[in-house]
N, C-alpha and C. Protein backbone atom coordinates (compact mmCIF):
# COMPACT_ATOMS: atom_id res chain seq x y z
N MET A 1 -76.67 122.84 26.08
CA MET A 1 -76.23 123.46 24.85
C MET A 1 -74.73 123.22 24.68
N ILE A 2 -74.34 122.91 23.47
CA ILE A 2 -72.93 122.72 23.13
C ILE A 2 -72.54 123.84 22.16
N ILE A 3 -71.51 124.60 22.56
CA ILE A 3 -70.98 125.65 21.70
C ILE A 3 -69.53 125.31 21.41
N PHE A 4 -69.17 125.34 20.14
CA PHE A 4 -67.81 125.05 19.70
C PHE A 4 -67.21 126.29 19.09
N ILE A 5 -66.03 126.70 19.57
CA ILE A 5 -65.33 127.88 19.06
C ILE A 5 -63.96 127.46 18.55
N SER A 6 -63.65 127.85 17.33
CA SER A 6 -62.33 127.58 16.76
C SER A 6 -61.82 128.85 16.10
N GLY A 7 -60.52 128.90 15.88
CA GLY A 7 -59.93 130.05 15.22
C GLY A 7 -58.44 130.09 15.47
N GLY A 8 -57.83 131.12 14.95
CA GLY A 8 -56.39 131.28 15.08
C GLY A 8 -55.96 131.67 16.48
N ALA A 9 -54.67 131.58 16.70
CA ALA A 9 -54.11 131.91 18.01
C ALA A 9 -54.25 133.41 18.29
N LYS A 10 -54.52 133.71 19.55
CA LYS A 10 -54.57 135.10 20.03
C LYS A 10 -55.57 135.95 19.25
N ASN A 11 -56.73 135.37 18.98
CA ASN A 11 -57.80 136.09 18.27
C ASN A 11 -58.99 136.42 19.17
N GLY A 12 -58.94 136.02 20.44
CA GLY A 12 -60.04 136.32 21.34
C GLY A 12 -60.98 135.16 21.60
N LYS A 13 -60.58 133.95 21.21
CA LYS A 13 -61.45 132.78 21.42
C LYS A 13 -61.75 132.56 22.91
N SER A 14 -60.71 132.61 23.74
CA SER A 14 -60.89 132.32 25.16
C SER A 14 -61.77 133.36 25.83
N SER A 15 -61.59 134.63 25.49
CA SER A 15 -62.43 135.69 26.08
C SER A 15 -63.89 135.51 25.67
N LEU A 16 -64.12 135.21 24.40
CA LEU A 16 -65.48 134.96 23.93
C LEU A 16 -66.06 133.73 24.64
N ALA A 17 -65.25 132.68 24.77
CA ALA A 17 -65.72 131.46 25.44
C ALA A 17 -66.12 131.76 26.88
N GLN A 18 -65.34 132.58 27.57
CA GLN A 18 -65.68 132.95 28.95
C GLN A 18 -67.03 133.67 28.99
N GLU A 19 -67.23 134.63 28.09
CA GLU A 19 -68.50 135.36 28.05
C GLU A 19 -69.67 134.41 27.80
N LEU A 20 -69.50 133.50 26.85
CA LEU A 20 -70.58 132.57 26.52
C LEU A 20 -70.85 131.60 27.67
N ALA A 21 -69.81 131.13 28.34
CA ALA A 21 -70.01 130.24 29.48
C ALA A 21 -70.75 130.96 30.61
N LEU A 22 -70.42 132.23 30.83
CA LEU A 22 -71.13 133.01 31.84
C LEU A 22 -72.60 133.17 31.46
N THR A 23 -72.87 133.39 30.18
CA THR A 23 -74.25 133.49 29.71
C THR A 23 -75.00 132.18 29.95
N LEU A 24 -74.36 131.06 29.62
CA LEU A 24 -74.99 129.75 29.81
C LEU A 24 -75.21 129.44 31.29
N ALA A 25 -74.32 129.93 32.15
CA ALA A 25 -74.43 129.67 33.59
C ALA A 25 -75.61 130.40 34.20
N ARG A 26 -75.99 131.52 33.63
CA ARG A 26 -77.11 132.32 34.13
C ARG A 26 -77.00 132.56 35.65
N GLY A 27 -75.79 132.89 36.08
CA GLY A 27 -75.56 133.18 37.49
C GLY A 27 -75.27 131.96 38.34
N GLY A 28 -75.37 130.79 37.75
CA GLY A 28 -75.14 129.54 38.49
C GLY A 28 -73.69 129.09 38.44
N LYS A 29 -73.49 127.86 38.83
CA LYS A 29 -72.15 127.28 38.91
C LYS A 29 -71.51 127.20 37.53
N ARG A 30 -70.17 127.45 37.51
CA ARG A 30 -69.43 127.37 36.26
C ARG A 30 -68.05 126.78 36.52
N TYR A 31 -67.64 125.96 35.58
CA TYR A 31 -66.34 125.29 35.65
C TYR A 31 -65.48 125.66 34.45
N TYR A 32 -64.21 125.80 34.71
CA TYR A 32 -63.21 125.96 33.65
C TYR A 32 -62.42 124.66 33.62
N VAL A 33 -62.57 123.88 32.55
CA VAL A 33 -61.85 122.62 32.41
C VAL A 33 -60.54 122.93 31.70
N ALA A 34 -59.46 122.90 32.49
CA ALA A 34 -58.13 123.25 31.99
C ALA A 34 -57.44 121.98 31.52
N THR A 35 -57.10 121.94 30.24
CA THR A 35 -56.53 120.72 29.67
C THR A 35 -55.02 120.77 29.47
N MET A 36 -54.42 121.95 29.57
CA MET A 36 -52.98 122.05 29.30
C MET A 36 -52.17 121.46 30.45
N ILE A 37 -51.27 120.58 30.12
CA ILE A 37 -50.27 120.08 31.06
C ILE A 37 -48.99 120.82 30.73
N PRO A 38 -48.58 121.75 31.58
CA PRO A 38 -47.42 122.58 31.22
C PRO A 38 -46.12 121.77 31.17
N VAL A 39 -45.33 122.06 30.13
CA VAL A 39 -44.04 121.39 29.99
C VAL A 39 -42.87 122.36 29.99
N ASP A 40 -43.18 123.67 29.88
CA ASP A 40 -42.09 124.65 29.88
C ASP A 40 -42.61 125.98 30.44
N GLN A 41 -41.73 126.97 30.50
CA GLN A 41 -42.09 128.27 31.06
C GLN A 41 -43.15 128.97 30.21
N GLU A 42 -43.08 128.83 28.90
CA GLU A 42 -44.08 129.45 28.03
C GLU A 42 -45.48 128.92 28.38
N ASP A 43 -45.60 127.61 28.60
CA ASP A 43 -46.89 127.03 29.00
C ASP A 43 -47.35 127.59 30.33
N ARG A 44 -46.45 127.67 31.30
CA ARG A 44 -46.80 128.18 32.63
C ARG A 44 -47.23 129.66 32.54
N ASP A 45 -46.56 130.44 31.70
CA ASP A 45 -46.93 131.84 31.52
C ASP A 45 -48.32 131.95 30.89
N ARG A 46 -48.60 131.10 29.91
CA ARG A 46 -49.91 131.12 29.26
C ARG A 46 -51.01 130.76 30.26
N ILE A 47 -50.76 129.78 31.09
CA ILE A 47 -51.74 129.39 32.11
C ILE A 47 -51.98 130.55 33.07
N ARG A 48 -50.91 131.20 33.50
CA ARG A 48 -51.04 132.35 34.40
C ARG A 48 -51.91 133.45 33.78
N ARG A 49 -51.71 133.72 32.47
CA ARG A 49 -52.51 134.74 31.79
C ARG A 49 -53.98 134.34 31.75
N HIS A 50 -54.26 133.08 31.47
CA HIS A 50 -55.65 132.63 31.41
C HIS A 50 -56.30 132.70 32.78
N VAL A 51 -55.57 132.32 33.82
CA VAL A 51 -56.11 132.41 35.19
C VAL A 51 -56.42 133.87 35.53
N ALA A 52 -55.51 134.77 35.18
CA ALA A 52 -55.72 136.20 35.45
C ALA A 52 -56.92 136.72 34.66
N ASP A 53 -57.08 136.28 33.41
CA ASP A 53 -58.20 136.73 32.58
C ASP A 53 -59.56 136.35 33.17
N ARG A 54 -59.63 135.23 33.84
CA ARG A 54 -60.92 134.79 34.37
C ARG A 54 -61.07 135.07 35.87
N ALA A 55 -60.10 135.75 36.46
CA ALA A 55 -60.18 136.10 37.88
C ALA A 55 -61.44 136.91 38.15
N GLY A 56 -62.13 136.55 39.20
CA GLY A 56 -63.33 137.27 39.58
C GLY A 56 -64.58 136.88 38.82
N LEU A 57 -64.47 135.94 37.89
CA LEU A 57 -65.64 135.54 37.10
C LEU A 57 -66.38 134.35 37.71
N GLY A 58 -65.83 133.77 38.77
CA GLY A 58 -66.53 132.70 39.48
C GLY A 58 -66.35 131.31 38.91
N PHE A 59 -65.34 131.13 38.05
CA PHE A 59 -65.08 129.79 37.52
C PHE A 59 -64.33 128.96 38.55
N GLU A 60 -64.75 127.73 38.73
CA GLU A 60 -63.99 126.75 39.50
C GLU A 60 -63.16 125.98 38.48
N THR A 61 -61.85 125.94 38.68
CA THR A 61 -60.97 125.26 37.74
C THR A 61 -60.92 123.76 38.02
N VAL A 62 -61.08 122.98 36.98
CA VAL A 62 -60.95 121.54 37.04
C VAL A 62 -59.80 121.18 36.09
N GLU A 63 -58.70 120.70 36.66
CA GLU A 63 -57.55 120.29 35.85
C GLU A 63 -57.82 118.90 35.29
N CYS A 64 -57.78 118.78 33.98
CA CYS A 64 -58.03 117.48 33.36
C CYS A 64 -57.31 117.43 32.02
N GLY A 65 -56.05 117.04 32.05
CA GLY A 65 -55.25 117.00 30.84
C GLY A 65 -55.36 115.73 30.04
N ARG A 66 -55.96 114.71 30.64
CA ARG A 66 -56.14 113.43 29.96
C ARG A 66 -57.40 112.78 30.52
N ASN A 67 -57.93 111.79 29.79
CA ASN A 67 -59.09 111.03 30.25
C ASN A 67 -60.22 111.96 30.72
N LEU A 68 -60.67 112.79 29.83
CA LEU A 68 -61.65 113.82 30.10
C LEU A 68 -62.91 113.34 30.83
N PRO A 69 -63.51 112.22 30.46
CA PRO A 69 -64.72 111.80 31.15
C PRO A 69 -64.53 111.54 32.65
N ALA A 70 -63.30 111.28 33.08
CA ALA A 70 -63.06 111.02 34.50
C ALA A 70 -63.41 112.22 35.37
N CYS A 71 -63.31 113.43 34.82
CA CYS A 71 -63.62 114.61 35.63
C CYS A 71 -65.12 114.77 35.86
N LEU A 72 -65.94 114.07 35.10
CA LEU A 72 -67.39 114.19 35.27
C LEU A 72 -67.85 113.72 36.65
N ASP A 73 -67.08 112.87 37.28
CA ASP A 73 -67.43 112.39 38.62
C ASP A 73 -67.19 113.43 39.71
N ARG A 74 -66.45 114.51 39.38
CA ARG A 74 -66.08 115.51 40.38
C ARG A 74 -66.83 116.82 40.23
N VAL A 75 -67.82 116.88 39.35
CA VAL A 75 -68.48 118.15 39.04
C VAL A 75 -69.99 118.02 39.09
N ASP A 76 -70.64 119.17 39.10
CA ASP A 76 -72.09 119.26 38.97
C ASP A 76 -72.38 119.36 37.48
N ARG A 77 -72.91 118.33 36.90
CA ARG A 77 -73.09 118.27 35.44
C ARG A 77 -74.12 119.27 34.92
N SER A 78 -74.92 119.85 35.80
CA SER A 78 -75.90 120.84 35.36
C SER A 78 -75.29 122.25 35.29
N ALA A 79 -74.04 122.40 35.68
CA ALA A 79 -73.35 123.69 35.62
C ALA A 79 -72.99 124.03 34.18
N ALA A 80 -72.41 125.21 33.98
CA ALA A 80 -71.87 125.60 32.68
C ALA A 80 -70.37 125.30 32.69
N PHE A 81 -69.88 124.77 31.58
CA PHE A 81 -68.48 124.38 31.45
C PHE A 81 -67.81 125.15 30.33
N LEU A 82 -66.56 125.49 30.55
CA LEU A 82 -65.71 126.05 29.50
C LEU A 82 -64.52 125.10 29.42
N LEU A 83 -64.37 124.42 28.31
CA LEU A 83 -63.27 123.48 28.10
C LEU A 83 -62.26 124.14 27.16
N ASP A 84 -61.07 124.42 27.68
CA ASP A 84 -60.05 125.12 26.90
C ASP A 84 -58.73 124.37 27.09
N SER A 85 -58.26 123.62 26.14
CA SER A 85 -58.71 123.50 24.78
C SER A 85 -58.53 122.07 24.29
N THR A 86 -59.20 121.79 23.17
CA THR A 86 -59.02 120.47 22.54
C THR A 86 -57.60 120.33 22.01
N THR A 87 -57.00 121.45 21.66
CA THR A 87 -55.64 121.46 21.11
C THR A 87 -54.66 120.86 22.11
N ALA A 88 -54.72 121.32 23.35
CA ALA A 88 -53.84 120.79 24.40
C ALA A 88 -54.23 119.37 24.77
N LEU A 89 -55.53 119.10 24.82
CA LEU A 89 -55.99 117.76 25.19
C LEU A 89 -55.45 116.71 24.23
N LEU A 90 -55.53 116.98 22.93
CA LEU A 90 -55.01 116.03 21.95
C LEU A 90 -53.50 115.87 22.09
N MET A 91 -52.79 116.96 22.31
CA MET A 91 -51.34 116.88 22.49
C MET A 91 -51.00 115.96 23.66
N ASN A 92 -51.73 116.12 24.76
CA ASN A 92 -51.49 115.28 25.94
C ASN A 92 -51.71 113.81 25.64
N GLU A 93 -52.75 113.53 24.88
CA GLU A 93 -53.08 112.14 24.55
C GLU A 93 -52.09 111.55 23.55
N LEU A 94 -51.65 112.36 22.61
CA LEU A 94 -50.73 111.87 21.59
C LEU A 94 -49.35 111.54 22.14
N PHE A 95 -48.90 112.32 23.09
CA PHE A 95 -47.53 112.19 23.59
C PHE A 95 -47.53 112.01 25.10
N ASP A 96 -47.66 110.78 25.54
CA ASP A 96 -47.74 110.44 26.96
C ASP A 96 -46.35 110.40 27.58
N PRO A 97 -46.08 111.22 28.60
CA PRO A 97 -44.75 111.19 29.22
C PRO A 97 -44.40 109.84 29.84
N GLU A 98 -45.42 109.08 30.23
CA GLU A 98 -45.17 107.76 30.80
C GLU A 98 -44.69 106.77 29.74
N GLN A 99 -44.87 107.12 28.46
CA GLN A 99 -44.40 106.29 27.35
C GLN A 99 -43.24 106.99 26.62
N ASP A 100 -42.47 107.79 27.36
CA ASP A 100 -41.34 108.54 26.80
C ASP A 100 -41.74 109.42 25.62
N TYR A 101 -42.96 109.97 25.68
CA TYR A 101 -43.49 110.88 24.67
C TYR A 101 -43.56 110.26 23.28
N ALA A 102 -43.63 108.94 23.22
CA ALA A 102 -43.78 108.27 21.92
C ALA A 102 -45.17 108.56 21.37
N LEU A 103 -45.26 108.74 20.06
CA LEU A 103 -46.53 109.01 19.41
C LEU A 103 -47.47 107.83 19.57
N ASP A 104 -48.68 108.10 20.06
CA ASP A 104 -49.70 107.07 20.22
C ASP A 104 -50.72 107.24 19.10
N PRO A 105 -50.67 106.39 18.07
CA PRO A 105 -51.57 106.57 16.92
C PRO A 105 -53.05 106.39 17.26
N ALA A 106 -53.37 105.74 18.37
CA ALA A 106 -54.76 105.56 18.77
C ALA A 106 -55.32 106.78 19.51
N ALA A 107 -54.47 107.73 19.84
CA ALA A 107 -54.87 108.88 20.66
C ALA A 107 -55.97 109.74 20.03
N PRO A 108 -55.91 110.08 18.74
CA PRO A 108 -56.97 110.94 18.20
C PRO A 108 -58.37 110.33 18.34
N GLU A 109 -58.51 109.06 18.06
CA GLU A 109 -59.82 108.40 18.19
C GLU A 109 -60.26 108.36 19.65
N ARG A 110 -59.36 108.03 20.54
CA ARG A 110 -59.67 107.99 21.98
C ARG A 110 -60.08 109.39 22.46
N CYS A 111 -59.36 110.39 22.02
CA CYS A 111 -59.65 111.77 22.40
C CYS A 111 -61.02 112.20 21.88
N ARG A 112 -61.33 111.82 20.64
CA ARG A 112 -62.64 112.15 20.06
C ARG A 112 -63.76 111.52 20.87
N GLU A 113 -63.61 110.25 21.19
CA GLU A 113 -64.63 109.55 21.99
C GLU A 113 -64.78 110.20 23.36
N ASP A 114 -63.67 110.54 24.00
CA ASP A 114 -63.71 111.18 25.32
C ASP A 114 -64.40 112.55 25.25
N LEU A 115 -64.06 113.34 24.24
CA LEU A 115 -64.68 114.66 24.09
C LEU A 115 -66.19 114.55 23.88
N LEU A 116 -66.59 113.63 23.01
CA LEU A 116 -68.02 113.47 22.76
C LEU A 116 -68.75 112.97 24.01
N ARG A 117 -68.14 112.06 24.74
CA ARG A 117 -68.73 111.59 25.99
C ARG A 117 -68.88 112.75 26.98
N PHE A 118 -67.85 113.60 27.03
CA PHE A 118 -67.89 114.74 27.95
C PHE A 118 -68.99 115.73 27.56
N VAL A 119 -69.00 116.19 26.31
CA VAL A 119 -69.97 117.23 25.92
C VAL A 119 -71.41 116.73 26.03
N HIS A 120 -71.62 115.43 25.84
CA HIS A 120 -72.96 114.88 25.99
C HIS A 120 -73.29 114.56 27.45
N GLY A 121 -72.29 114.63 28.32
CA GLY A 121 -72.48 114.32 29.74
C GLY A 121 -72.77 115.53 30.60
N VAL A 122 -72.78 116.73 30.00
CA VAL A 122 -73.07 117.95 30.76
C VAL A 122 -74.20 118.72 30.07
N ASP A 123 -74.82 119.63 30.81
CA ASP A 123 -75.94 120.38 30.25
C ASP A 123 -75.50 121.49 29.30
N ASN A 124 -74.44 122.21 29.67
CA ASN A 124 -73.99 123.36 28.89
C ASN A 124 -72.47 123.40 28.85
N VAL A 125 -71.92 123.52 27.65
CA VAL A 125 -70.46 123.54 27.52
C VAL A 125 -70.05 124.40 26.33
N VAL A 126 -68.95 125.12 26.54
CA VAL A 126 -68.29 125.86 25.48
C VAL A 126 -66.92 125.21 25.31
N VAL A 127 -66.61 124.78 24.10
CA VAL A 127 -65.34 124.10 23.82
C VAL A 127 -64.51 124.97 22.88
N VAL A 128 -63.23 125.15 23.23
CA VAL A 128 -62.31 125.98 22.45
C VAL A 128 -61.27 125.09 21.76
N SER A 129 -61.00 125.42 20.49
CA SER A 129 -59.97 124.72 19.73
C SER A 129 -59.20 125.73 18.89
N ASP A 130 -58.00 125.35 18.47
CA ASP A 130 -57.20 126.20 17.60
C ASP A 130 -57.25 125.66 16.18
N TYR A 131 -57.45 126.55 15.25
CA TYR A 131 -57.55 126.22 13.84
C TYR A 131 -56.14 126.23 13.24
N ILE A 132 -55.44 125.09 13.34
CA ILE A 132 -54.04 125.06 12.93
C ILE A 132 -53.77 124.11 11.76
N TYR A 133 -54.80 123.71 11.06
CA TYR A 133 -54.62 122.67 10.04
C TYR A 133 -55.03 123.13 8.65
N SER A 134 -55.14 124.42 8.43
CA SER A 134 -55.68 124.88 7.15
C SER A 134 -54.65 125.26 6.11
N ASP A 135 -53.39 125.37 6.49
CA ASP A 135 -52.41 125.75 5.46
C ASP A 135 -52.10 124.56 4.55
N ALA A 136 -51.50 124.85 3.42
CA ALA A 136 -51.24 123.81 2.43
C ALA A 136 -49.87 123.16 2.59
N GLN A 137 -49.09 123.66 3.52
CA GLN A 137 -47.75 123.11 3.70
C GLN A 137 -47.81 121.69 4.24
N ARG A 138 -46.89 120.85 3.82
CA ARG A 138 -46.76 119.49 4.32
C ARG A 138 -45.71 119.48 5.41
N TYR A 139 -46.02 118.77 6.48
CA TYR A 139 -45.11 118.69 7.62
C TYR A 139 -44.66 117.24 7.81
N ASP A 140 -43.84 117.02 8.81
CA ASP A 140 -43.39 115.66 9.12
C ASP A 140 -44.58 114.82 9.59
N GLU A 141 -44.37 113.52 9.66
CA GLU A 141 -45.45 112.57 9.99
C GLU A 141 -46.10 112.87 11.34
N ILE A 142 -45.32 113.20 12.33
CA ILE A 142 -45.86 113.46 13.67
C ILE A 142 -46.78 114.69 13.64
N THR A 143 -46.31 115.76 13.01
CA THR A 143 -47.11 116.98 12.93
C THR A 143 -48.38 116.75 12.13
N GLU A 144 -48.27 116.01 11.02
CA GLU A 144 -49.46 115.72 10.22
C GLU A 144 -50.46 114.85 10.99
N THR A 145 -49.97 113.92 11.79
CA THR A 145 -50.86 113.10 12.62
C THR A 145 -51.62 113.99 13.59
N TYR A 146 -50.92 114.95 14.19
CA TYR A 146 -51.55 115.88 15.12
C TYR A 146 -52.57 116.76 14.41
N ARG A 147 -52.20 117.35 13.28
CA ARG A 147 -53.10 118.23 12.55
C ARG A 147 -54.35 117.50 12.09
N LYS A 148 -54.18 116.29 11.56
CA LYS A 148 -55.34 115.52 11.12
C LYS A 148 -56.22 115.13 12.31
N GLY A 149 -55.58 114.73 13.40
CA GLY A 149 -56.35 114.39 14.59
C GLY A 149 -57.16 115.56 15.11
N LEU A 150 -56.57 116.76 15.12
CA LEU A 150 -57.29 117.95 15.58
C LEU A 150 -58.43 118.30 14.63
N ALA A 151 -58.18 118.19 13.33
CA ALA A 151 -59.23 118.47 12.35
C ALA A 151 -60.40 117.49 12.54
N ASP A 152 -60.10 116.23 12.79
CA ASP A 152 -61.16 115.24 13.02
C ASP A 152 -61.94 115.55 14.30
N LEU A 153 -61.22 115.97 15.36
CA LEU A 153 -61.90 116.35 16.61
C LEU A 153 -62.84 117.52 16.35
N ASP A 154 -62.34 118.52 15.65
CA ASP A 154 -63.15 119.71 15.38
C ASP A 154 -64.38 119.37 14.56
N GLN A 155 -64.23 118.50 13.55
CA GLN A 155 -65.39 118.11 12.75
C GLN A 155 -66.43 117.38 13.60
N ALA A 156 -65.96 116.49 14.46
CA ALA A 156 -66.89 115.75 15.32
C ALA A 156 -67.61 116.68 16.27
N LEU A 157 -66.87 117.63 16.86
CA LEU A 157 -67.51 118.59 17.77
C LEU A 157 -68.48 119.50 17.03
N ALA A 158 -68.09 119.97 15.85
CA ALA A 158 -68.98 120.83 15.08
C ALA A 158 -70.28 120.10 14.73
N ALA A 159 -70.19 118.82 14.43
CA ALA A 159 -71.38 118.05 14.06
C ALA A 159 -72.39 117.96 15.20
N VAL A 160 -71.92 117.86 16.44
CA VAL A 160 -72.84 117.70 17.57
C VAL A 160 -73.16 119.01 18.27
N SER A 161 -72.52 120.09 17.87
CA SER A 161 -72.71 121.37 18.54
C SER A 161 -73.98 122.07 18.08
N ASP A 162 -74.60 122.79 19.02
CA ASP A 162 -75.75 123.61 18.69
C ASP A 162 -75.31 124.89 17.98
N THR A 163 -74.14 125.40 18.40
CA THR A 163 -73.59 126.63 17.83
C THR A 163 -72.12 126.40 17.51
N VAL A 164 -71.71 126.79 16.30
CA VAL A 164 -70.32 126.68 15.88
C VAL A 164 -69.85 128.08 15.49
N ILE A 165 -68.74 128.50 16.13
CA ILE A 165 -68.24 129.85 15.94
C ILE A 165 -66.78 129.79 15.52
N GLU A 166 -66.43 130.64 14.56
CA GLU A 166 -65.03 130.83 14.18
C GLU A 166 -64.64 132.25 14.58
N VAL A 167 -63.46 132.39 15.18
CA VAL A 167 -62.92 133.71 15.47
C VAL A 167 -61.70 133.87 14.58
N SER A 168 -61.77 134.84 13.67
CA SER A 168 -60.71 135.06 12.70
C SER A 168 -60.38 136.55 12.64
N ALA A 169 -59.13 136.88 12.89
CA ALA A 169 -58.69 138.28 12.88
C ALA A 169 -59.58 139.14 13.77
N GLY A 170 -59.99 138.57 14.89
CA GLY A 170 -60.83 139.29 15.84
C GLY A 170 -62.29 139.35 15.47
N GLN A 171 -62.67 138.79 14.33
CA GLN A 171 -64.06 138.79 13.89
C GLN A 171 -64.74 137.50 14.33
N VAL A 172 -65.95 137.61 14.84
CA VAL A 172 -66.73 136.45 15.28
C VAL A 172 -67.69 136.06 14.16
N ILE A 173 -67.56 134.83 13.68
CA ILE A 173 -68.38 134.33 12.58
C ILE A 173 -69.15 133.12 13.09
N VAL A 174 -70.47 133.20 13.09
CA VAL A 174 -71.31 132.07 13.51
C VAL A 174 -71.63 131.25 12.27
N HIS A 175 -71.15 129.99 12.27
CA HIS A 175 -71.37 129.11 11.12
C HIS A 175 -72.60 128.22 11.30
N LYS A 176 -73.00 128.02 12.54
CA LYS A 176 -74.13 127.13 12.81
C LYS A 176 -74.80 127.62 14.09
N GLY A 177 -76.14 127.62 14.09
CA GLY A 177 -76.87 128.00 15.28
C GLY A 177 -76.85 129.50 15.52
N VAL A 178 -77.06 129.88 16.78
CA VAL A 178 -77.09 131.28 17.16
C VAL A 178 -76.31 131.49 18.46
N MET A 179 -75.89 132.72 18.66
CA MET A 179 -75.22 133.08 19.91
C MET A 179 -76.27 133.09 21.02
N PRO A 180 -75.97 132.47 22.15
CA PRO A 180 -76.94 132.49 23.24
C PRO A 180 -77.09 133.90 23.83
N GLN A 181 -78.27 134.21 24.26
CA GLN A 181 -78.56 135.53 24.85
C GLN A 181 -78.75 135.41 26.35
């Protein structure tokens, strides 16, 4: 089963994703696929909060900030996965530190292909994304490339997902499928 969750920042997406991944695991193995590559103290603090939030829940953390399908060789694909988040994954792909953080215009397509390969390569996965592309304001070219790339990733994931959920102002809205029981 593929579950896709999107919504605004600090709305409870990660907590809901953890609950759903636990439901999909049915007491079995579960992985937390951590995609953020920290670049500053704010990132490190956010990671610490997420680790604390899932403490005691039995998730094995798999760090994979780039080349997502490569982690499939290190896991039990029949387990339940929580991938948090596509937002960080795309950022990592767009701005490679080995290339002096230059914008890589091929990154969104590569990231989309990697995500689809990953979600189709496991039995159960919950994928989290941030809904950051809906305002009408125009931004610089780099920001617009990122926003469009994330919107394309989200559309591709929503198309292949069994369940699509939006979390908005703390409200859970199921747009496609049903919540697993």
